[in-house]
Amino acid sequence: MDLSSNLILVIIVTSGATFASRFLGILTAENLSDKSKLFDWFNCVAYSILAALIARMVIFPAGALLESTLLIRIIVILISAIVFIHSKKNLVLPTILSFILLTFLSNIY
């Protein structure tokens, strides 16, 4: 098998897994109340995983983030979090701002 057929196989398998889990979620979500303790538990797990991934990216960066210092990364996150809160939880504005800030501060220092 050549590389292109391997990539096609990987795309098919990962797409199947993604759509299967979404389909099962649709089937089971009808009977799940968003006020239930199970829903709260899944919500907490999802937010904790997201927080852990963000912390990992800040403390142990990879790729282009290696070029910035820890102080710059922390400053960008704090400013982006403040903008997120004050922009009524708009995700687009802090995402674009974080890119601009990280690029600007990394080029200065």
PDB file of N, CA and C in Angstrom:
ATOM      1  N   MET A   1       0.841  -1.192   0.000  1.00  0.00           N
ATOM      2  CA  MET A   1       0.000   0.000   0.000  1.00  0.00           C
ATOM      3  C   MET A   1       0.882   1.249   0.000  1.00  0.00           C
ATOM      4  N   ASP A   2       0.523   2.201  -0.802  1.00  0.00           N
ATOM      5  CA  ASP A   2       1.271   3.444  -0.813  1.00  0.00           C
ATOM      6  C   ASP A   2       0.693   4.426   0.212  1.00  0.00           C
ATOM      7  N   LEU A   3       1.376   5.547   0.354  1.00  0.00           N
ATOM      8  CA  LEU A   3       1.004   6.524   1.385  1.00  0.00           C
ATOM      9  C   LEU A   3      -0.396   7.096   1.180  1.00  0.00           C
ATOM     10  N   SER A   4      -0.779   7.370  -0.065  1.00  0.00           N
ATOM     11  CA  SER A   4      -2.088   7.985  -0.308  1.00  0.00           C
ATOM     12  C   SER A   4      -3.236   7.048   0.070  1.00  0.00           C
ATOM     13  N   SER A   5      -3.087   5.749  -0.173  1.00  0.00           N
ATOM     14  CA  SER A   5      -4.159   4.822   0.208  1.00  0.00           C
ATOM     15  C   SER A   5      -4.217   4.659   1.725  1.00  0.00           C
ATOM     16  N   ASN A   6      -3.077   4.760   2.408  1.00  0.00           N
ATOM     17  CA  ASN A   6      -3.076   4.726   3.876  1.00  0.00           C
ATOM     18  C   ASN A   6      -3.793   5.940   4.447  1.00  0.00           C
ATOM     19  N   LEU A   7      -3.563   7.103   3.858  1.00  0.00           N
ATOM     20  CA  LEU A   7      -4.232   8.322   4.327  1.00  0.00           C
ATOM     21  C   LEU A   7      -5.737   8.236   4.123  1.00  0.00           C
ATOM     22  N   ILE A   8      -6.142   7.685   2.989  1.00  0.00           N
ATOM     23  CA  ILE A   8      -7.575   7.538   2.722  1.00  0.00           C
ATOM     24  C   ILE A   8      -8.195   6.589   3.736  1.00  0.00           C
ATOM     25  N   LEU A   9      -7.511   5.499   4.052  1.00  0.00           N
ATOM     26  CA  LEU A   9      -8.009   4.554   5.044  1.00  0.00           C
ATOM     27  C   LEU A   9      -8.120   5.203   6.422  1.00  0.00           C
ATOM     28  N   VAL A  10      -7.118   5.991   6.804  1.00  0.00           N
ATOM     29  CA  VAL A  10      -7.143   6.691   8.094  1.00  0.00           C
ATOM     30  C   VAL A  10      -8.312   7.671   8.144  1.00  0.00           C
ATOM     31  N   ILE A  11      -8.535   8.414   7.082  1.00  0.00           N
ATOM     32  CA  ILE A  11      -9.645   9.372   7.034  1.00  0.00           C
ATOM     33  C   ILE A  11     -10.982   8.649   7.142  1.00  0.00           C
ATOM     34  N   ILE A  12     -11.134   7.526   6.452  1.00  0.00           N
ATOM     35  CA  ILE A  12     -12.393   6.773   6.504  1.00  0.00           C
ATOM     36  C   ILE A  12     -12.642   6.226   7.904  1.00  0.00           C
ATOM     37  N   VAL A  13     -11.615   5.652   8.536  1.00  0.00           N
ATOM     38  CA  VAL A  13     -11.783   5.066   9.867  1.00  0.00           C
ATOM     39  C   VAL A  13     -12.085   6.138  10.908  1.00  0.00           C
ATOM     40  N   THR A  14     -11.342   7.240  10.884  1.00  0.00           N
ATOM     41  CA  THR A  14     -11.592   8.300  11.871  1.00  0.00           C
ATOM     42  C   THR A  14     -12.944   8.976  11.636  1.00  0.00           C
ATOM     43  N   SER A  15     -13.330   9.144  10.393  1.00  0.00           N
ATOM     44  CA  SER A  15     -14.651   9.724  10.103  1.00  0.00           C
ATOM     45  C   SER A  15     -15.749   8.798  10.594  1.00  0.00           C
ATOM     46  N   GLY A  16     -15.588   7.505  10.375  1.00  0.00           N
ATOM     47  CA  GLY A  16     -16.579   6.535  10.855  1.00  0.00           C
ATOM     48  C   GLY A  16     -16.715   6.571  12.365  1.00  0.00           C
ATOM     49  N   ALA A  17     -15.585   6.635  13.069  1.00  0.00           N
ATOM     50  CA  ALA A  17     -15.628   6.683  14.534  1.00  0.00           C
ATOM     51  C   ALA A  17     -16.288   7.973  15.019  1.00  0.00           C
ATOM     52  N   THR A  18     -15.973   9.075  14.376  1.00  0.00           N
ATOM     53  CA  THR A  18     -16.554  10.359  14.765  1.00  0.00           C
ATOM     54  C   THR A  18     -18.062  10.368  14.552  1.00  0.00           C
ATOM     55  N   PHE A  19     -18.497   9.941  13.375  1.00  0.00           N
ATOM     56  CA  PHE A  19     -19.926   9.976  13.079  1.00  0.00           C
ATOM     57  C   PHE A  19     -20.695   8.929  13.881  1.00  0.00           C
ATOM     58  N   ALA A  20     -20.072   7.792  14.186  1.00  0.00           N
ATOM     59  CA  ALA A  20     -20.740   6.772  15.007  1.00  0.00           C
ATOM     60  C   ALA A  20     -20.992   7.301  16.417  1.00  0.00           C
ATOM     61  N   SER A  21     -19.988   7.974  16.988  1.00  0.00           N
ATOM     62  CA  SER A  21     -20.177   8.506  18.345  1.00  0.00           C
ATOM     63  C   SER A  21     -21.215   9.625  18.350  1.00  0.00           C
ATOM     64  N   ARG A  22     -21.235  10.434  17.308  1.00  0.00           N
ATOM     65  CA  ARG A  22     -22.252  11.490  17.233  1.00  0.00           C
ATOM     66  C   ARG A  22     -23.650  10.899  17.059  1.00  0.00           C
ATOM     67  N   PHE A  23     -23.763   9.863  16.251  1.00  0.00           N
ATOM     68  CA  PHE A  23     -25.051   9.210  16.041  1.00  0.00           C
ATOM     69  C   PHE A  23     -25.550   8.599  17.348  1.00  0.00           C
ATOM     70  N   LEU A  24     -24.671   7.935  18.078  1.00  0.00           N
ATOM     71  CA  LEU A  24     -25.067   7.362  19.364  1.00  0.00           C
ATOM     72  C   LEU A  24     -25.446   8.459  20.358  1.00  0.00           C
ATOM     73  N   GLY A  25     -24.780   9.595  20.294  1.00  0.00           N
ATOM     74  CA  GLY A  25     -25.136  10.724  21.146  1.00  0.00           C
ATOM     75  C   GLY A  25     -26.520  11.251  20.838  1.00  0.00           C
ATOM     76  N   ILE A  26     -26.849  11.304  19.571  1.00  0.00           N
ATOM     77  CA  ILE A  26     -28.192  11.767  19.176  1.00  0.00           C
ATOM     78  C   ILE A  26     -29.256  10.803  19.689  1.00  0.00           C
ATOM     79  N   LEU A  27     -28.975   9.511  19.576  1.00  0.00           N
ATOM     80  CA  LEU A  27     -29.952   8.515  20.030  1.00  0.00           C
ATOM     81  C   LEU A  27     -30.181   8.571  21.535  1.00  0.00           C
ATOM     82  N   THR A  28     -29.123   8.809  22.292  1.00  0.00           N
ATOM     83  CA  THR A  28     -29.244   8.780  23.752  1.00  0.00           C
ATOM     84  C   THR A  28     -29.597  10.137  24.350  1.00  0.00           C
ATOM     85  N   ALA A  29     -29.375  11.228  23.628  1.00  0.00           N
ATOM     86  CA  ALA A  29     -29.605  12.560  24.181  1.00  0.00           C
ATOM     87  C   ALA A  29     -31.074  12.862  24.395  1.00  0.00           C
ATOM     88  N   GLU A  30     -31.916  12.171  23.686  1.00  0.00           N
ATOM     89  CA  GLU A  30     -33.352  12.434  23.808  1.00  0.00           C
ATOM     90  C   GLU A  30     -33.861  12.126  25.216  1.00  0.00           C
ATOM     91  N   ASN A  31     -33.282  11.132  25.855  1.00  0.00           N
ATOM     92  CA  ASN A  31     -33.729  10.723  27.182  1.00  0.00           C
ATOM     93  C   ASN A  31     -32.910  11.340  28.309  1.00  0.00           C
ATOM     94  N   LEU A  32     -31.968  12.212  27.979  1.00  0.00           N
ATOM     95  CA  LEU A  32     -31.075  12.791  28.982  1.00  0.00           C
ATOM     96  C   LEU A  32     -31.471  14.242  29.251  1.00  0.00           C
ATOM     97  N   SER A  33     -31.739  14.541  30.495  1.00  0.00           N
ATOM     98  CA  SER A  33     -32.107  15.903  30.874  1.00  0.00           C
ATOM     99  C   SER A  33     -30.840  16.720  31.103  1.00  0.00           C
ATOM    100  N   ASP A  34     -30.834  17.963  30.645  1.00  0.00           N
ATOM    101  CA  ASP A  34     -29.665  18.810  30.868  1.00  0.00           C
ATOM    102  C   ASP A  34     -29.560  19.283  32.312  1.00  0.00           C
ATOM    103  N   LYS A  35     -30.526  18.945  33.126  1.00  0.00           N
ATOM    104  CA  LYS A  35     -30.486  19.277  34.548  1.00  0.00           C
ATOM    105  C   LYS A  35     -30.048  18.082  35.413  1.00  0.00           C
ATOM    106  N   SER A  36     -29.743  16.960  34.773  1.00  0.00           N
ATOM    107  CA  SER A  36     -29.399  15.747  35.529  1.00  0.00           C
ATOM    108  C   SER A  36     -27.966  15.794  36.041  1.00  0.00           C
ATOM    109  N   LYS A  37     -27.692  14.980  37.023  1.00  0.00           N
ATOM    110  CA  LYS A  37     -26.349  14.902  37.593  1.00  0.00           C
ATOM    111  C   LYS A  37     -25.370  14.275  36.605  1.00  0.00           C
ATOM    112  N   LEU A  38     -25.844  13.348  35.771  1.00  0.00           N
ATOM    113  CA  LEU A  38     -24.980  12.738  34.761  1.00  0.00           C
ATOM    114  C   LEU A  38     -24.524  13.784  33.749  1.00  0.00           C
ATOM    115  N   PHE A  39     -25.438  14.636  33.332  1.00  0.00           N
ATOM    116  CA  PHE A  39     -25.092  15.707  32.394  1.00  0.00           C
ATOM    117  C   PHE A  39     -24.084  16.657  33.032  1.00  0.00           C
ATOM    118  N   ASP A  40     -24.289  17.009  34.298  1.00  0.00           N
ATOM    119  CA  ASP A  40     -23.339  17.868  35.016  1.00  0.00           C
ATOM    120  C   ASP A  40     -21.962  17.215  35.100  1.00  0.00           C
ATOM    121  N   TRP A  41     -21.928  15.908  35.336  1.00  0.00           N
ATOM    122  CA  TRP A  41     -20.657  15.199  35.438  1.00  0.00           C
ATOM    123  C   TRP A  41     -19.906  15.246  34.115  1.00  0.00           C
ATOM    124  N   PHE A  42     -20.595  14.955  32.990  1.00  0.00           N
ATOM    125  CA  PHE A  42     -19.957  15.023  31.680  1.00  0.00           C
ATOM    126  C   PHE A  42     -19.474  16.438  31.375  1.00  0.00           C
ATOM    127  N   ASN A  43     -20.243  17.429  31.764  1.00  0.00           N
ATOM    128  CA  ASN A  43     -19.859  18.818  31.567  1.00  0.00           C
ATOM    129  C   ASN A  43     -18.578  19.142  32.339  1.00  0.00           C
ATOM    130  N   CYS A  44     -18.502  18.691  33.586  1.00  0.00           N
ATOM    131  CA  CYS A  44     -17.303  18.921  34.405  1.00  0.00           C
ATOM    132  C   CYS A  44     -16.087  18.218  33.823  1.00  0.00           C
ATOM    133  N   VAL A  45     -16.268  17.003  33.347  1.00  0.00           N
ATOM    134  CA  VAL A  45     -15.155  16.253  32.741  1.00  0.00           C
ATOM    135  C   VAL A  45     -14.665  16.964  31.486  1.00  0.00           C
ATOM    136  N   ALA A  46     -15.593  17.430  30.662  1.00  0.00           N
ATOM    137  CA  ALA A  46     -15.209  18.119  29.429  1.00  0.00           C
ATOM    138  C   ALA A  46     -14.421  19.396  29.731  1.00  0.00           C
ATOM    139  N   TYR A  47     -14.888  20.181  30.699  1.00  0.00           N
ATOM    140  CA  TYR A  47     -14.183  21.415  31.049  1.00  0.00           C
ATOM    141  C   TYR A  47     -12.829  21.128  31.695  1.00  0.00           C
ATOM    142  N   SER A  48     -12.727  20.073  32.476  1.00  0.00           N
ATOM    143  CA  SER A  48     -11.441  19.761  33.100  1.00  0.00           C
ATOM    144  C   SER A  48     -10.429  19.290  32.065  1.00  0.00           C
ATOM    145  N   ILE A  49     -10.878  18.539  31.068  1.00  0.00           N
ATOM    146  CA  ILE A  49      -9.973  18.116  29.992  1.00  0.00           C
ATOM    147  C   ILE A  49      -9.501  19.331  29.200  1.00  0.00           C
ATOM    148  N   LEU A  50     -10.416  20.241  28.903  1.00  0.00           N
ATOM    149  CA  LEU A  50     -10.051  21.463  28.183  1.00  0.00           C
ATOM    150  C   LEU A  50      -9.051  22.294  28.981  1.00  0.00           C
ATOM    151  N   ALA A  51      -9.280  22.443  30.281  1.00  0.00           N
ATOM    152  CA  ALA A  51      -8.359  23.200  31.139  1.00  0.00           C
ATOM    153  C   ALA A  51      -6.986  22.529  31.184  1.00  0.00           C
ATOM    154  N   ALA A  52      -6.961  21.217  31.250  1.00  0.00           N
ATOM    155  CA  ALA A  52      -5.684  20.499  31.275  1.00  0.00           C
ATOM    156  C   ALA A  52      -4.928  20.667  29.963  1.00  0.00           C
ATOM    157  N   LEU A  53      -5.623  20.641  28.848  1.00  0.00           N
ATOM    158  CA  LEU A  53      -4.962  20.823  27.554  1.00  0.00           C
ATOM    159  C   LEU A  53      -4.410  22.233  27.400  1.00  0.00           C
ATOM    160  N   ILE A  54      -5.166  23.221  27.850  1.00  0.00           N
ATOM    161  CA  ILE A  54      -4.680  24.602  27.781  1.00  0.00           C
ATOM    162  C   ILE A  54      -3.471  24.778  28.687  1.00  0.00           C
ATOM    163  N   ALA A  55      -3.525  24.229  29.895  1.00  0.00           N
ATOM    164  CA  ALA A  55      -2.390  24.324  30.815  1.00  0.00           C
ATOM    165  C   ALA A  55      -1.164  23.635  30.230  1.00  0.00           C
ATOM    166  N   ARG A  56      -1.366  22.504  29.588  1.00  0.00           N
ATOM    167  CA  ARG A  56      -0.235  21.799  28.969  1.00  0.00           C
ATOM    168  C   ARG A  56       0.391  22.637  27.851  1.00  0.00           C
ATOM    169  N   MET A  57      -0.455  23.289  27.055  1.00  0.00           N
ATOM    170  CA  MET A  57       0.065  24.125  25.971  1.00  0.00           C
ATOM    171  C   MET A  57       0.834  25.327  26.514  1.00  0.00           C
ATOM    172  N   VAL A  58       0.421  25.844  27.649  1.00  0.00           N
ATOM    173  CA  VAL A  58       1.096  27.008  28.220  1.00  0.00           C
ATOM    174  C   VAL A  58       2.402  26.597  28.896  1.00  0.00           C
ATOM    175  N   ILE A  59       2.365  25.532  29.681  1.00  0.00           N
ATOM    176  CA  ILE A  59       3.540  25.135  30.461  1.00  0.00           C
ATOM    177  C   ILE A  59       4.542  24.341  29.629  1.00  0.00           C
ATOM    178  N   PHE A  60       4.057  23.434  28.791  1.00  0.00           N
ATOM    179  CA  PHE A  60       4.924  22.603  27.952  1.00  0.00           C
ATOM    180  C   PHE A  60       4.560  22.807  26.485  1.00  0.00           C
ATOM    181  N   PRO A  61       4.932  23.946  25.913  1.00  0.00           N
ATOM    182  CA  PRO A  61       4.512  24.245  24.540  1.00  0.00           C
ATOM    183  C   PRO A  61       5.237  23.367  23.519  1.00  0.00           C
ATOM    184  N   ALA A  62       4.635  23.277  22.360  1.00  0.00           N
ATOM    185  CA  ALA A  62       5.242  22.565  21.241  1.00  0.00           C
ATOM    186  C   ALA A  62       5.101  23.430  19.995  1.00  0.00           C
ATOM    187  N   GLY A  63       5.945  23.185  19.039  1.00  0.00           N
ATOM    188  CA  GLY A  63       5.859  23.895  17.770  1.00  0.00           C
ATOM    189  C   GLY A  63       6.196  25.370  17.888  1.00  0.00           C
ATOM    190  N   ALA A  64       5.361  26.203  17.291  1.00  0.00           N
ATOM    191  CA  ALA A  64       5.613  27.643  17.246  1.00  0.00           C
ATOM    192  C   ALA A  64       5.557  28.296  18.624  1.00  0.00           C
ATOM    193  N   LEU A  65       4.827  27.695  19.561  1.00  0.00           N
ATOM    194  CA  LEU A  65       4.742  28.272  20.908  1.00  0.00           C
ATOM    195  C   LEU A  65       6.074  28.196  21.659  1.00  0.00           C
ATOM    196  N   LEU A  66       6.979  27.332  21.209  1.00  0.00           N
ATOM    197  CA  LEU A  66       8.293  27.232  21.850  1.00  0.00           C
ATOM    198  C   LEU A  66       9.093  28.529  21.730  1.00  0.00           C
ATOM    199  N   GLU A  67       8.759  29.320  20.725  1.00  0.00           N
ATOM    200  CA  GLU A  67       9.501  30.567  20.492  1.00  0.00           C
ATOM    201  C   GLU A  67       9.111  31.667  21.472  1.00  0.00           C
ATOM    202  N   SER A  68       8.005  31.514  22.177  1.00  0.00           N
ATOM    203  CA  SER A  68       7.585  32.532  23.140  1.00  0.00           C
ATOM    204  C   SER A  68       7.934  32.078  24.559  1.00  0.00           C
ATOM    205  N   THR A  69       8.069  33.066  25.426  1.00  0.00           N
ATOM    206  CA  THR A  69       8.394  32.749  26.823  1.00  0.00           C
ATOM    207  C   THR A  69       7.123  32.413  27.595  1.00  0.00           C
ATOM    208  N   LEU A  70       7.310  31.816  28.756  1.00  0.00           N
ATOM    209  CA  LEU A  70       6.171  31.465  29.606  1.00  0.00           C
ATOM    210  C   LEU A  70       5.409  32.725  30.019  1.00  0.00           C
ATOM    211  N   LEU A  71       6.118  33.789  30.331  1.00  0.00           N
ATOM    212  CA  LEU A  71       5.477  35.043  30.733  1.00  0.00           C
ATOM    213  C   LEU A  71       4.575  35.581  29.621  1.00  0.00           C
ATOM    214  N   ILE A  72       5.041  35.543  28.394  1.00  0.00           N
ATOM    215  CA  ILE A  72       4.238  36.026  27.264  1.00  0.00           C
ATOM    216  C   ILE A  72       2.983  35.183  27.110  1.00  0.00           C
ATOM    217  N   ARG A  73       3.115  33.864  27.213  1.00  0.00           N
ATOM    218  CA  ARG A  73       1.956  32.981  27.067  1.00  0.00           C
ATOM    219  C   ARG A  73       0.927  33.236  28.170  1.00  0.00           C
ATOM    220  N   ILE A  74       1.396  33.458  29.397  1.00  0.00           N
ATOM    221  CA  ILE A  74       0.476  33.733  30.507  1.00  0.00           C
ATOM    222  C   ILE A  74      -0.225  35.069  30.315  1.00  0.00           C
ATOM    223  N   ILE A  75       0.517  36.093  29.881  1.00  0.00           N
ATOM    224  CA  ILE A  75      -0.079  37.414  29.631  1.00  0.00           C
ATOM    225  C   ILE A  75      -1.156  37.316  28.549  1.00  0.00           C
ATOM    226  N   VAL A  76      -0.875  36.598  27.480  1.00  0.00           N
ATOM    227  CA  VAL A  76      -1.844  36.449  26.381  1.00  0.00           C
ATOM    228  C   VAL A  76      -3.096  35.739  26.869  1.00  0.00           C
ATOM    229  N   ILE A  77      -2.943  34.700  27.678  1.00  0.00           N
ATOM    230  CA  ILE A  77      -4.113  33.984  28.189  1.00  0.00           C
ATOM    231  C   ILE A  77      -4.938  34.869  29.115  1.00  0.00           C
ATOM    232  N   LEU A  78      -4.287  35.612  29.993  1.00  0.00           N
ATOM    233  CA  LEU A  78      -5.029  36.480  30.912  1.00  0.00           C
ATOM    234  C   LEU A  78      -5.811  37.556  30.159  1.00  0.00           C
ATOM    235  N   ILE A  79      -5.158  38.204  29.201  1.00  0.00           N
ATOM    236  CA  ILE A  79      -5.840  39.242  28.423  1.00  0.00           C
ATOM    237  C   ILE A  79      -6.985  38.645  27.611  1.00  0.00           C
ATOM    238  N   SER A  80      -6.761  37.475  27.013  1.00  0.00           N
ATOM    239  CA  SER A  80      -7.812  36.825  26.226  1.00  0.00           C
ATOM    240  C   SER A  80      -8.984  36.407  27.107  1.00  0.00           C
ATOM    241  N   ALA A  81      -8.717  35.948  28.317  1.00  0.00           N
ATOM    242  CA  ALA A  81      -9.794  35.563  29.234  1.00  0.00           C
ATOM    243  C   ALA A  81     -10.616  36.784  29.632  1.00  0.00           C
ATOM    244  N   ILE A  82      -9.945  37.905  29.893  1.00  0.00           N
ATOM    245  CA  ILE A  82     -10.659  39.138  30.241  1.00  0.00           C
ATOM    246  C   ILE A  82     -11.533  39.601  29.079  1.00  0.00           C
ATOM    247  N   VAL A  83     -10.990  39.550  27.864  1.00  0.00           N
ATOM    248  CA  VAL A  83     -11.773  39.937  26.684  1.00  0.00           C
ATOM    249  C   VAL A  83     -12.953  38.990  26.493  1.00  0.00           C
ATOM    250  N   PHE A  84     -12.732  37.694  26.714  1.00  0.00           N
ATOM    251  CA  PHE A  84     -13.810  36.711  26.599  1.00  0.00           C
ATOM    252  C   PHE A  84     -14.948  37.029  27.561  1.00  0.00           C
ATOM    253  N   ILE A  85     -14.619  37.343  28.792  1.00  0.00           N
ATOM    254  CA  ILE A  85     -15.641  37.640  29.807  1.00  0.00           C
ATOM    255  C   ILE A  85     -16.368  38.936  29.481  1.00  0.00           C
ATOM    256  N   HIS A  86     -15.624  39.967  29.075  1.00  0.00           N
ATOM    257  CA  HIS A  86     -16.244  41.266  28.809  1.00  0.00           C
ATOM    258  C   HIS A  86     -16.962  41.331  27.463  1.00  0.00           C
ATOM    259  N   SER A  87     -16.686  40.385  26.570  1.00  0.00           N
ATOM    260  CA  SER A  87     -17.365  40.389  25.270  1.00  0.00           C
ATOM    261  C   SER A  87     -18.568  39.457  25.262  1.00  0.00           C
ATOM    262  N   LYS A  88     -19.100  39.197  26.451  1.00  0.00           N
ATOM    263  CA  LYS A  88     -20.282  38.336  26.613  1.00  0.00           C
ATOM    264  C   LYS A  88     -20.036  36.937  26.055  1.00  0.00           C
ATOM    265  N   LYS A  89     -18.859  36.399  26.360  1.00  0.00           N
ATOM    266  CA  LYS A  89     -18.443  35.031  26.001  1.00  0.00           C
ATOM    267  C   LYS A  89     -18.378  34.804  24.494  1.00  0.00           C
ATOM    268  N   ASN A  90     -17.910  35.809  23.780  1.00  0.00           N
ATOM    269  CA  ASN A  90     -17.656  35.697  22.355  1.00  0.00           C
ATOM    270  C   ASN A  90     -16.317  34.983  22.173  1.00  0.00           C
ATOM    271  N   LEU A  91     -16.269  33.901  21.411  1.00  0.00           N
ATOM    272  CA  LEU A  91     -15.035  33.147  21.220  1.00  0.00           C
ATOM    273  C   LEU A  91     -14.150  33.703  20.109  1.00  0.00           C
ATOM    274  N   VAL A  92     -14.743  34.367  19.138  1.00  0.00           N
ATOM    275  CA  VAL A  92     -13.986  34.827  17.978  1.00  0.00           C
ATOM    276  C   VAL A  92     -13.020  35.942  18.354  1.00  0.00           C
ATOM    277  N   LEU A  93     -13.493  36.926  19.078  1.00  0.00           N
ATOM    278  CA  LEU A  93     -12.672  38.081  19.431  1.00  0.00           C
ATOM    279  C   LEU A  93     -11.422  37.704  20.240  1.00  0.00           C
ATOM    280  N   PRO A  94     -11.527  36.936  21.331  1.00  0.00           N
ATOM    281  CA  PRO A  94     -10.311  36.583  22.066  1.00  0.00           C
ATOM    282  C   PRO A  94      -9.379  35.655  21.284  1.00  0.00           C
ATOM    283  N   THR A  95      -9.932  34.839  20.391  1.00  0.00           N
ATOM    284  CA  THR A  95      -9.081  33.957  19.592  1.00  0.00           C
ATOM    285  C   THR A  95      -8.212  34.773  18.644  1.00  0.00           C
ATOM    286  N   ILE A  96      -8.822  35.723  17.956  1.00  0.00           N
ATOM    287  CA  ILE A  96      -8.065  36.582  17.036  1.00  0.00           C
ATOM    288  C   ILE A  96      -7.094  37.453  17.819  1.00  0.00           C
ATOM    289  N   LEU A  97      -7.552  37.997  18.940  1.00  0.00           N
ATOM    290  CA  LEU A  97      -6.691  38.837  19.773  1.00  0.00           C
ATOM    291  C   LEU A  97      -5.503  38.059  20.310  1.00  0.00           C
ATOM    292  N   SER A  98      -5.710  36.815  20.722  1.00  0.00           N
ATOM    293  CA  SER A  98      -4.598  36.019  21.252  1.00  0.00           C
ATOM    294  C   SER A  98      -3.536  35.774  20.183  1.00  0.00           C
ATOM    295  N   PHE A  99      -3.960  35.535  18.944  1.00  0.00           N
ATOM    296  CA  PHE A  99      -3.004  35.364  17.857  1.00  0.00           C
ATOM    297  C   PHE A  99      -2.193  36.638  17.637  1.00  0.00           C
ATOM    298  N   ILE A 100      -2.888  37.779  17.597  1.00  0.00           N
ATOM    299  CA  ILE A 100      -2.211  39.057  17.372  1.00  0.00           C
ATOM    300  C   ILE A 100      -1.258  39.380  18.518  1.00  0.00           C
ATOM    301  N   LEU A 101      -1.723  39.201  19.761  1.00  0.00           N
ATOM    302  CA  LEU A 101      -0.885  39.486  20.920  1.00  0.00           C
ATOM    303  C   LEU A 101       0.342  38.586  20.980  1.00  0.00           C
ATOM    304  N   LEU A 102       0.138  37.300  20.743  1.00  0.00           N
ATOM    305  CA  LEU A 102       1.253  36.360  20.797  1.00  0.00           C
ATOM    306  C   LEU A 102       2.283  36.678  19.726  1.00  0.00           C
ATOM    307  N   THR A 103       1.816  37.002  18.536  1.00  0.00           N
ATOM    308  CA  THR A 103       2.743  37.367  17.458  1.00  0.00           C
ATOM    309  C   THR A 103       3.489  38.642  17.785  1.00  0.00           C
ATOM    310  N   PHE A 104       2.772  39.663  18.250  1.00  0.00           N
ATOM    311  CA  PHE A 104       3.378  40.955  18.567  1.00  0.00           C
ATOM    312  C   PHE A 104       4.375  40.830  19.717  1.00  0.00           C
ATOM    313  N   LEU A 105       3.956  40.207  20.810  1.00  0.00           N
ATOM    314  CA  LEU A 105       4.845  40.110  21.985  1.00  0.00           C
ATOM    315  C   LEU A 105       6.049  39.204  21.731  1.00  0.00           C
ATOM    316  N   SER A 106       5.866  38.167  20.937  1.00  0.00           N
ATOM    317  CA  SER A 106       6.987  37.276  20.633  1.00  0.00           C
ATOM    318  C   SER A 106       8.033  37.971  19.768  1.00  0.00           C
ATOM    319  N   ASN A 107       7.589  38.874  18.888  1.00  0.00           N
ATOM    320  CA  ASN A 107       8.537  39.601  18.046  1.00  0.00           C
ATOM    321  C   ASN A 107       9.257  40.706  18.800  1.00  0.00           C
ATOM    322  N   ILE A 108       8.630  41.223  19.865  1.00  0.00           N
ATOM    323  CA  ILE A 108       9.272  42.274  20.654  1.00  0.00           C
ATOM    324  C   ILE A 108      10.361  41.697  21.557  1.00  0.00           C
ATOM    325  N   TYR A 109      10.045  40.573  22.220  1.00  0.00           N
ATOM    326  CA  TYR A 109      10.999  40.009  23.185  1.00  0.00           C
ATOM    327  C   TYR A 109      11.751  38.883  22.619  1.00  0.00           C
TER     328      TYR A 109
END
